[in-house]
């Protein structure tokens, strides 16, 4: 934008916009000021500055404080927990689904101690931390462990393997970095788009807040101040669809929630028995990786709503603001007359003899709360590694060693891709702690390290 265009645009901005612009500008200056020099080599490179990466580094520094200064974290945002905070803010999520004992600090009671005097921000029934409380606690954890200045604000676009003491090469727009060890902590997977939605997007795409069809990870309620009179179809029976539905109704929309089965109510996304030896002991004893994968799938059992969210949705349903279409599945969506014409199958409560066949509805927007896909074979940073050092994959999940290492390499994997070793909670905050318990000893104890690849 030229100087005149910028001046005109800026002069029309409200004082609130001015404040936001100045805040973002100052934040950018702060990141540049704190940004460490771009290194040629690293003993440890961490890819991802989310809760998994933060948890790993706090636990590592607790065991080996002398490693401070020997690692860098790569994240394009240049900030810890940026994507986490943005996602919670975009969906206007009031509090976490995980209890207060789950957080990135090594001390289990750290969050409760931090919340002293703010008990009203620990929501019943299991002291679920409010979003602001959790974010402020994470900021305190980052400060306590002096991790503010270890992030390099660059994406890692490729990961290749050579030989020698620093076998990994991280490819970034800012240059190449050689690393002795790498921890991949990049989140829970790629957004899943059903085939019909891919076709609809290609044919009728609009970007940004005006998108006619978008994945839930792309929807930012803050950019949609009014949806008055709009009909929105939300696909999916998980908590994200519930948060988006509530946010849309608050903005004046009417919402249709479509699910392939009935809407299920659960406090947590997996039974609490998976957060301890009750179920994990049997899971660890299972030697068949495919049976482990099935155990993970059965435990997560698709999406679910918390009792609190589902109660709110049912109340809105009685008021005619939310419609439930259960046991339904979209066949195709076509844009015409300024709205979606949607054809779907009524699955008849999973009983074919009760199925109603084709049905139709209309919507101004379609939001896909259809989850994410985990597949190491399609992961942009693992494809070349899989070619040179193939790991066994079970429905996309790699078989790692007991320390979550890629076979024969000092490449550690956390998050959902480590689920075959950690269980169904691998992608959650608790999974971050489990991953740290596996990975940290292999880094902190020289006796557990693998030899460098021969030159």
Protein backbone atom coordinates (compact mmCIF):
# COMPACT_ATOMS: atom_id res chain seq x y z
CA UNK A 1 0.00 0.00 0.00
CA UNK A 2 1.33 3.45 -0.94
CA UNK A 3 1.87 6.31 1.50
CA UNK A 4 -1.37 8.12 0.54
CA UNK A 5 -3.45 4.95 0.83
CA UNK A 6 -1.91 4.16 4.20
CA UNK A 7 -2.62 7.68 5.52
CA UNK A 8 -6.23 7.57 4.38
CA UNK A 9 -6.74 4.13 5.87
CA UNK A 10 -5.08 5.05 9.14
CA UNK A 11 -7.04 8.30 9.52
CA UNK A 12 -10.31 6.38 9.26
CA UNK A 13 -9.29 3.91 11.96
CA UNK A 14 -11.01 4.23 15.34
CA UNK A 15 -9.08 4.94 18.51
CA UNK A 16 -9.57 1.31 19.42
CA UNK A 17 -7.99 0.33 16.09
CA UNK A 18 -5.14 2.75 16.75
CA UNK A 19 -4.51 1.09 20.08
CA UNK A 20 -4.57 -2.36 18.49
CA UNK A 21 -2.18 -1.28 15.73
CA UNK A 22 0.24 0.30 18.20
CA UNK A 23 0.05 -2.77 20.45
CA UNK A 24 0.87 -5.09 17.54
CA UNK A 25 3.69 -2.80 16.40
CA UNK A 26 5.21 -2.72 19.89
CA UNK A 27 4.87 -6.49 20.15
CA UNK A 28 6.75 -6.88 16.85
CA UNK A 29 9.52 -4.61 18.14
CA UNK A 30 9.68 -6.63 21.35
CA UNK A 31 10.04 -9.89 19.43
CA UNK A 32 12.81 -8.44 17.25
CA UNK A 33 14.60 -7.09 20.32
CA UNK A 34 14.48 -10.41 22.18
CA UNK A 35 15.12 -12.58 19.14
CA UNK A 36 18.35 -14.54 19.51
CA UNK A 37 20.91 -14.62 16.74
CA UNK A 38 20.26 -17.17 14.02
CA UNK A 39 22.55 -20.12 14.84
CA UNK A 40 24.58 -22.30 12.51
CA UNK A 41 24.40 -25.35 14.79
CA UNK A 42 22.27 -26.37 17.77
CA UNK A 43 22.51 -29.16 20.27
CA UNK A 44 18.71 -29.21 20.43
CA UNK A 45 16.11 -27.74 18.08
CA UNK A 46 12.45 -27.67 19.13
CA UNK A 47 9.87 -27.19 16.39
CA UNK A 48 6.70 -25.65 17.78
CA UNK A 49 6.07 -23.16 20.61
CA UNK A 50 2.81 -24.57 21.87
CA UNK A 51 2.00 -26.28 25.18
CA UNK A 52 3.80 -29.50 24.19
CA UNK A 53 7.08 -27.70 23.47
CA UNK A 54 6.79 -25.52 26.57
CA UNK A 55 6.13 -28.54 28.80
CA UNK A 56 9.12 -30.40 27.39
CA UNK A 57 11.53 -27.53 27.97
CA UNK A 58 10.44 -26.75 31.53
CA UNK A 59 10.86 -30.41 32.46
CA UNK A 60 14.20 -30.56 30.66
CA UNK A 61 15.55 -27.49 32.45
CA UNK A 62 14.41 -28.90 35.76
CA UNK A 63 16.57 -31.98 35.15
CA UNK A 64 19.47 -30.32 33.29
CA UNK A 65 19.61 -26.55 33.92
CA UNK A 66 23.04 -26.46 32.29
CA UNK A 67 21.32 -27.01 28.92
CA UNK A 68 20.03 -23.44 29.01
CA UNK A 69 21.27 -21.56 25.97
CA UNK A 70 21.91 -24.78 24.02
CA UNK A 71 18.49 -24.98 22.36
CA UNK A 72 16.23 -22.83 20.20
CA UNK A 73 12.53 -23.06 19.48
CA UNK A 74 11.26 -22.48 15.94
CA UNK A 75 7.79 -20.99 15.58
CA UNK A 76 6.64 -18.50 12.92
CA UNK A 77 4.69 -16.48 15.50
CA UNK A 78 7.82 -15.72 17.52
CA UNK A 79 5.82 -16.20 20.72
CA UNK A 80 5.03 -18.99 23.13
CA UNK A 81 1.46 -20.33 22.97
CA UNK A 82 0.38 -17.87 20.27
CA UNK A 83 -1.69 -20.33 18.25
CA UNK A 84 -3.24 -21.73 21.44
CA UNK A 85 -4.27 -18.27 22.63
CA UNK A 86 -5.60 -17.28 19.22
CA UNK A 87 -7.71 -20.42 18.90
CA UNK A 88 -9.29 -19.97 22.32
CA UNK A 89 -9.98 -16.30 21.62
CA UNK A 90 -11.33 -17.00 18.11
CA UNK A 91 -13.91 -19.46 19.48
CA UNK A 92 -14.57 -17.43 22.66
CA UNK A 93 -13.78 -20.40 24.90
CA UNK A 94 -14.35 -19.43 28.52
CA UNK A 95 -12.37 -22.18 30.21
CA UNK A 96 -10.33 -25.30 29.51
CA UNK A 97 -11.71 -28.83 29.46
CA UNK A 98 -8.71 -30.14 31.44
CA UNK A 99 -8.51 -29.75 35.26
CA UNK A 100 -6.04 -27.37 36.88
CA UNK A 101 -3.49 -30.12 37.55
CA UNK A 102 -2.68 -30.20 33.82
CA UNK A 103 -0.33 -27.42 32.69
CA UNK A 104 3.24 -26.93 31.37
CA UNK A 105 5.03 -26.42 34.71
CA UNK A 106 6.80 -29.45 36.25
CA UNK A 107 5.21 -28.79 39.66
CA UNK A 108 1.69 -30.34 39.65
CA UNK A 109 0.27 -27.71 42.00
CA UNK A 110 1.76 -24.69 40.22
CA UNK A 111 -1.48 -23.55 38.57
CA UNK A 112 -3.53 -23.90 41.74
CA UNK A 113 -0.92 -21.90 43.62
CA UNK A 114 -1.00 -19.26 40.91
CA UNK A 115 -4.80 -19.12 41.18
CA UNK A 116 -4.75 -18.26 44.91
CA UNK A 117 -7.29 -15.50 45.41
CA UNK A 118 -8.81 -16.21 41.97
CA UNK A 119 -10.72 -19.38 42.83
CA UNK A 120 -13.76 -18.07 40.92
CA UNK A 121 -11.71 -18.67 37.74
CA UNK A 122 -11.51 -22.39 38.50
CA UNK A 123 -14.77 -23.71 37.10
CA UNK A 124 -16.70 -26.65 38.54
CA UNK A 125 -16.88 -29.56 38.77
CA UNK A 126 -13.14 -30.29 38.52
CA UNK A 127 -11.44 -26.88 38.87
CA UNK A 128 -11.25 -26.19 35.14
CA UNK A 129 -9.04 -23.10 34.71
CA UNK A 130 -10.48 -20.06 32.98
CA UNK A 131 -8.79 -19.17 29.71
CA UNK A 132 -7.34 -15.90 30.98
CA UNK A 133 -6.09 -17.53 34.17
CA UNK A 134 -4.40 -20.33 32.22
CA UNK A 135 -2.79 -17.93 29.75
CA UNK A 136 -1.45 -15.74 32.55
CA UNK A 137 -0.11 -18.80 34.35
CA UNK A 138 1.70 -19.92 31.19
CA UNK A 139 3.21 -16.44 30.88
CA UNK A 140 4.45 -16.75 34.47
CA UNK A 141 5.90 -20.20 33.70
CA UNK A 142 7.74 -18.82 30.67
CA UNK A 143 9.17 -16.03 32.79
CA UNK A 144 10.07 -18.32 35.68
CA UNK A 145 12.03 -20.66 33.42
CA UNK A 146 13.53 -17.75 31.46
CA UNK A 147 12.25 -18.96 28.12
CA UNK A 148 11.20 -15.60 26.65
CA UNK A 149 14.21 -15.18 24.38
CA UNK A 150 14.77 -18.66 22.95
CA UNK A 151 12.23 -18.51 20.10
CA UNK A 152 13.27 -17.93 16.51
CA UNK A 153 10.28 -16.46 14.59
CA UNK A 154 10.77 -18.62 11.51
CA UNK A 155 8.89 -21.62 10.15
CA UNK A 156 10.74 -24.86 9.53
CA UNK A 157 9.82 -25.81 5.98
CA UNK A 158 11.95 -28.91 5.65
CA UNK A 159 13.91 -31.41 7.73
CA UNK A 160 16.64 -33.49 6.13
CA UNK A 161 19.19 -35.95 7.41
CA UNK A 162 22.89 -36.25 6.68
CA UNK A 163 25.73 -37.66 8.79
CA UNK A 164 28.06 -36.60 11.54
CA UNK A 165 27.60 -35.00 14.93
CA UNK A 166 24.85 -32.63 13.72
CA UNK A 167 22.87 -34.89 11.39
CA UNK A 168 19.67 -32.85 11.07
CA UNK A 169 19.32 -29.86 8.77
CA UNK A 170 16.38 -27.55 9.42
CA UNK A 171 15.37 -25.57 6.34
CA UNK A 172 14.01 -22.13 7.12
CA UNK A 173 13.51 -18.96 5.05
CA UNK A 174 16.14 -17.38 7.30
CA UNK A 175 18.72 -20.04 6.49
CA UNK A 176 19.84 -23.56 7.36
CA UNK A 177 20.51 -24.84 10.87
CA UNK A 178 22.33 -28.06 11.73
CA UNK A 179 21.08 -29.81 14.88
CA UNK A 180 22.25 -32.71 17.03
CA UNK A 181 18.73 -33.48 18.25
CA UNK A 182 15.26 -32.37 17.16
CA UNK A 183 11.95 -32.40 19.03
CA UNK A 184 8.85 -32.18 16.84
CA UNK A 185 6.08 -30.53 18.87
CA UNK A 186 3.90 -29.10 16.13
CA UNK A 187 0.34 -29.78 17.28
CA UNK A 188 -2.42 -32.25 16.67
CA UNK A 189 -2.56 -32.59 12.89
CA UNK A 190 -3.97 -31.10 9.70
CA UNK A 191 -7.60 -29.87 9.54
CA UNK A 192 -9.83 -32.57 8.09
CA UNK A 193 -12.04 -31.62 5.15
CA UNK A 194 -14.64 -34.17 3.93
CA UNK A 195 -14.55 -34.81 0.19
CA UNK A 196 -17.81 -32.96 -0.46
CA UNK A 197 -16.45 -29.92 1.38
CA UNK A 198 -13.23 -29.91 -0.65
CA UNK A 199 -15.30 -29.84 -3.84
CA UNK A 200 -17.53 -27.08 -2.50
CA UNK A 201 -14.57 -24.95 -1.41
CA UNK A 202 -12.86 -25.23 -4.79
CA UNK A 203 -16.02 -24.21 -6.59
CA UNK A 204 -17.29 -21.46 -4.28
CA UNK A 205 -14.38 -20.15 -2.22
CA UNK A 206 -14.28 -16.79 -0.43
CA UNK A 207 -11.46 -16.10 2.01
CA UNK A 208 -11.20 -14.49 5.43
CA UNK A 209 -14.22 -13.69 7.56
CA UNK A 210 -16.44 -13.79 4.43
CA UNK A 211 -15.67 -17.45 3.73
CA UNK A 212 -18.81 -19.29 2.72
CA UNK A 213 -17.26 -22.54 3.90
CA UNK A 214 -14.42 -22.86 6.42
CA UNK A 215 -12.88 -25.28 8.86
CA UNK A 216 -13.47 -24.48 12.52
CA UNK A 217 -9.75 -23.73 12.92
CA UNK A 218 -10.19 -20.87 10.41
CA UNK A 219 -13.28 -19.30 11.96
CA UNK A 220 -12.61 -16.25 14.13
CA UNK A 221 -15.75 -15.05 15.87
CA UNK A 222 -14.03 -11.78 16.70
CA UNK A 223 -14.08 -10.89 13.01
CA UNK A 224 -17.83 -11.50 12.79
CA UNK A 225 -19.43 -8.84 15.01
CA UNK A 226 -22.89 -9.48 13.54
CA UNK A 227 -24.46 -12.54 11.97
CA UNK A 228 -27.99 -11.23 12.37
CA UNK A 229 -30.52 -13.33 10.50
CA UNK A 230 -27.96 -15.70 8.98
CA UNK A 231 -28.49 -19.44 8.88
CA UNK A 232 -25.25 -21.33 9.65
CA UNK A 233 -24.69 -25.06 9.24
CA UNK A 234 -22.05 -26.48 11.58
CA UNK A 235 -20.83 -30.01 10.86
CA UNK A 236 -19.52 -32.07 13.77
CA UNK A 237 -20.41 -33.26 17.25
CA UNK A 238 -17.37 -32.05 19.19
CA UNK A 239 -16.76 -29.20 21.56
CA UNK A 240 -15.53 -26.84 18.82
CA UNK A 241 -18.90 -27.05 17.06
CA UNK A 242 -20.60 -26.23 20.36
CA UNK A 243 -18.46 -23.16 21.03
CA UNK A 244 -18.98 -21.88 17.48
CA UNK A 245 -22.73 -22.48 17.68
CA UNK A 246 -23.02 -20.50 20.90
CA UNK A 247 -20.91 -17.68 19.48
CA UNK A 248 -22.97 -17.54 16.29
CA UNK A 249 -26.27 -17.36 18.20
CA UNK A 250 -24.89 -14.54 20.35
CA UNK A 251 -24.37 -12.65 17.09
CA UNK A 252 -27.93 -13.15 15.91
CA UNK A 253 -27.59 -16.26 13.75
CA UNK A 254 -29.70 -19.38 13.67
CA UNK A 255 -27.61 -22.55 13.76
CA UNK A 256 -28.11 -26.07 12.47
CA UNK A 257 -25.83 -28.65 14.11
CA UNK A 258 -25.39 -31.74 11.96
CA UNK A 259 -23.80 -34.92 13.36
CA UNK A 260 -23.40 -38.43 11.98
CA UNK A 261 -24.61 -39.89 15.29
CA UNK A 262 -26.38 -38.59 18.37
CA UNK A 263 -24.86 -35.70 20.32
CA UNK A 264 -22.84 -37.16 23.17
CA UNK A 265 -22.20 -35.62 26.55
CA UNK A 266 -18.87 -36.18 28.31
CA UNK A 267 -16.92 -34.14 30.82
CA UNK A 268 -13.61 -35.01 29.15
CA UNK A 269 -12.71 -36.13 25.64
CA UNK A 270 -11.44 -39.45 27.06
CA UNK A 271 -12.26 -41.31 30.26
CA UNK A 272 -10.18 -40.03 33.23
CA UNK A 273 -8.90 -43.58 33.63
CA UNK A 274 -6.58 -42.81 30.71
CA UNK A 275 -4.84 -40.20 32.86
CA UNK A 276 -3.28 -42.82 35.10
CA UNK A 277 -2.45 -46.52 35.47
CA UNK A 278 -6.10 -47.66 35.44
CA UNK A 279 -6.07 -47.92 31.64
CA UNK A 280 -2.51 -47.01 30.67
CA UNK A 281 -1.09 -50.11 32.32
CA UNK A 282 -3.11 -52.39 30.05
CA UNK A 283 -2.38 -50.17 27.08
CA UNK A 284 1.38 -50.45 27.68
CA UNK A 285 1.09 -54.23 28.02
CA UNK A 286 -0.53 -54.56 24.58
CA UNK A 287 2.17 -55.52 22.06
CA UNK A 288 -0.01 -55.39 18.94
CA UNK A 289 0.25 -51.85 17.56
CA UNK A 290 -2.98 -52.17 15.60
CA UNK A 291 -4.85 -53.16 18.75
CA UNK A 292 -3.33 -50.14 20.48
CA UNK A 293 -4.60 -47.93 17.67
CA UNK A 294 -8.08 -49.39 18.10
CA UNK A 295 -7.89 -48.77 21.85
CA UNK A 296 -7.06 -45.12 21.15
CA UNK A 297 -9.93 -44.78 18.71
CA UNK A 298 -12.41 -46.42 21.08
CA UNK A 299 -11.25 -44.26 24.00
CA UNK A 300 -11.66 -40.95 22.16
CA UNK A 301 -14.84 -42.18 20.48
CA UNK A 302 -15.21 -39.18 18.21
CA UNK A 303 -16.36 -35.79 19.40
CA UNK A 304 -18.46 -34.93 22.44
CA UNK A 305 -19.91 -31.92 24.25
CA UNK A 306 -19.38 -31.05 27.87
CA UNK A 307 -22.60 -31.11 29.94
CA UNK A 308 -22.39 -27.33 30.30
CA UNK A 309 -22.22 -26.65 26.55
CA UNK A 310 -24.83 -29.24 25.59
CA UNK A 311 -27.26 -27.84 28.18
CA UNK A 312 -26.90 -24.36 26.68
CA UNK A 313 -27.44 -25.72 23.16
CA UNK A 314 -30.58 -27.60 24.19
CA UNK A 315 -32.01 -24.45 25.75
CA UNK A 316 -31.36 -22.56 22.53
CA UNK A 317 -32.98 -25.42 20.63
CA UNK A 318 -36.17 -24.96 22.64
CA UNK A 319 -36.06 -21.27 21.69
CA UNK A 320 -35.73 -22.15 18.00
CA UNK A 321 -32.21 -20.73 17.67
CA UNK A 322 -30.41 -24.09 17.33
CA UNK A 323 -31.60 -27.11 15.36
CA UNK A 324 -30.08 -30.56 15.85
CA UNK A 325 -29.81 -32.83 12.82
CA UNK A 326 -28.48 -36.06 14.29
CA UNK A 327 -27.61 -39.17 12.30
CA UNK A 328 -27.19 -37.08 9.16
CA UNK A 329 -24.37 -36.76 6.64
CA UNK A 330 -23.86 -34.24 3.83
CA UNK A 331 -23.66 -35.59 0.29
CA UNK A 332 -23.05 -32.34 -1.55
CA UNK A 333 -23.33 -28.58 -1.18
CA UNK A 334 -23.96 -26.17 -4.04
CA UNK A 335 -23.89 -22.37 -3.87
CA UNK A 336 -26.82 -20.59 -5.51
CA UNK A 337 -29.18 -17.68 -4.82
CA UNK A 338 -26.68 -16.38 -2.25
CA UNK A 339 -26.91 -19.46 -0.04
CA UNK A 340 -25.84 -23.08 0.19
CA UNK A 341 -28.18 -25.74 -1.13
CA UNK A 342 -27.22 -28.79 0.91
CA UNK A 343 -28.23 -32.36 0.16
CA UNK A 344 -27.75 -34.85 2.97
CA UNK A 345 -28.61 -38.40 3.97
CA UNK A 346 -30.72 -39.18 7.01
CA UNK A 347 -28.96 -42.19 8.46
CA UNK A 348 -31.88 -43.32 10.57
CA UNK A 349 -30.16 -43.61 13.96
CA UNK A 350 -27.64 -46.00 12.39
CA UNK A 351 -30.54 -48.31 11.42
CA UNK A 352 -30.87 -48.54 7.63
CA UNK A 353 -34.51 -49.59 7.85
CA UNK A 354 -35.30 -46.25 9.51
CA UNK A 355 -33.31 -44.12 7.12
CA UNK A 356 -35.17 -41.32 5.39
CA UNK A 357 -32.92 -41.07 2.34
CA UNK A 358 -32.05 -37.76 0.76
CA UNK A 359 -33.01 -34.51 2.48
CA UNK A 360 -32.23 -30.85 1.92
CA UNK A 361 -31.48 -27.71 3.88
CA UNK A 362 -30.03 -24.27 3.21
CA UNK A 363 -27.40 -22.14 4.93
CA UNK A 364 -25.55 -18.88 4.43
CA UNK A 365 -22.33 -20.36 5.81
CA UNK A 366 -20.92 -23.82 6.50
CA UNK A 367 -18.41 -24.37 9.30
CA UNK A 368 -16.61 -27.70 9.51
CA UNK A 369 -15.86 -28.82 13.07
CA UNK A 370 -14.57 -32.09 11.65
CA UNK A 371 -11.33 -32.42 13.62
CA UNK A 372 -7.84 -33.04 12.33
CA UNK A 373 -5.94 -35.81 10.58
CA UNK A 374 -2.72 -37.32 11.93
CA UNK A 375 -0.55 -38.98 9.31
CA UNK A 376 3.24 -39.07 9.57
CA UNK A 377 3.47 -40.07 5.91
CA UNK A 378 1.90 -36.75 4.92
CA UNK A 379 3.66 -34.58 7.50
CA UNK A 380 5.85 -32.08 5.59
CA UNK A 381 8.77 -32.46 8.04
CA UNK A 382 8.64 -36.25 8.25
CA UNK A 383 8.29 -37.26 4.62
CA UNK A 384 12.01 -37.18 3.81
CA UNK A 385 12.84 -38.84 7.15
CA UNK A 386 10.37 -41.61 6.40
CA UNK A 387 12.00 -42.17 3.02
CA UNK A 388 15.55 -42.49 4.39
CA UNK A 389 14.74 -44.04 7.80
CA UNK A 390 11.27 -45.57 7.50
CA UNK A 391 9.26 -46.17 10.64
CA UNK A 392 6.38 -48.59 10.85
CA UNK A 393 3.15 -46.63 10.48
CA UNK A 394 -0.16 -47.77 11.92
CA UNK A 395 -2.98 -45.82 10.28
CA UNK A 396 -0.67 -42.83 10.04
CA UNK A 397 0.84 -43.08 13.53
CA UNK A 398 4.56 -43.95 13.77
CA UNK A 399 5.93 -46.70 15.99
CA UNK A 400 8.50 -44.87 18.12
CA UNK A 401 10.88 -46.21 20.76
CA UNK A 402 10.20 -45.92 24.50
CA UNK A 403 11.69 -42.40 24.54
CA UNK A 404 9.48 -41.30 21.60
CA UNK A 405 12.40 -41.38 19.17
CA UNK A 406 12.05 -42.05 15.49
CA UNK A 407 13.74 -45.44 14.96
CA UNK A 408 17.53 -45.04 15.10
CA UNK A 409 17.47 -41.23 15.24
CA UNK A 410 17.63 -38.51 17.85
CA UNK A 411 14.37 -37.16 16.46
CA UNK A 412 11.71 -37.02 19.19
CA UNK A 413 7.99 -36.76 18.49
CA UNK A 414 5.40 -35.44 20.92
CA UNK A 415 1.68 -34.72 20.66
CA UNK A 416 -0.88 -36.77 18.78
CA UNK A 417 1.71 -38.51 16.59
CA UNK A 418 3.08 -40.20 19.74
CA UNK A 419 -0.28 -41.72 20.64
CA UNK A 420 0.80 -45.36 20.04
CA UNK A 421 3.21 -44.94 22.93
CA UNK A 422 1.31 -42.48 25.17
CA UNK A 423 -2.33 -43.41 24.65
CA UNK A 424 -5.44 -41.41 23.68
CA UNK A 425 -4.48 -38.33 25.77
CA UNK A 426 -1.22 -37.80 23.82
CA UNK A 427 -2.38 -34.57 22.17
CA UNK A 428 -3.70 -33.06 25.42
CA UNK A 429 -1.93 -31.15 28.20
CA UNK A 430 -1.56 -34.38 30.16
CA UNK A 431 -0.01 -35.94 27.07
CA UNK A 432 2.62 -33.21 27.09
CA UNK A 433 3.67 -34.27 30.58
CA UNK A 434 3.75 -37.93 29.55
CA UNK A 435 5.91 -37.03 26.56
CA UNK A 436 8.31 -35.05 28.75
CA UNK A 437 8.67 -38.03 31.08
CA UNK A 438 9.76 -40.13 28.09
CA UNK A 439 11.89 -37.64 26.18
CA UNK A 440 13.74 -35.76 28.93
CA UNK A 441 15.73 -38.77 30.27
CA UNK A 442 17.01 -39.56 26.76
CA UNK A 443 18.36 -36.00 26.46
CA UNK A 444 19.50 -35.50 30.05
CA UNK A 445 21.30 -38.83 30.45
CA UNK A 446 24.25 -39.39 28.07
CA UNK A 447 23.94 -43.15 28.60
CA UNK A 448 20.55 -43.10 26.82
CA UNK A 449 21.72 -41.11 23.81
CA UNK A 450 22.04 -42.73 20.41
CA UNK A 451 25.38 -42.52 18.60
CA UNK A 452 25.73 -39.89 15.92
CA UNK A 453 25.37 -41.12 12.37
CA UNK A 454 28.68 -42.11 10.90
CA UNK A 455 30.25 -39.68 8.43
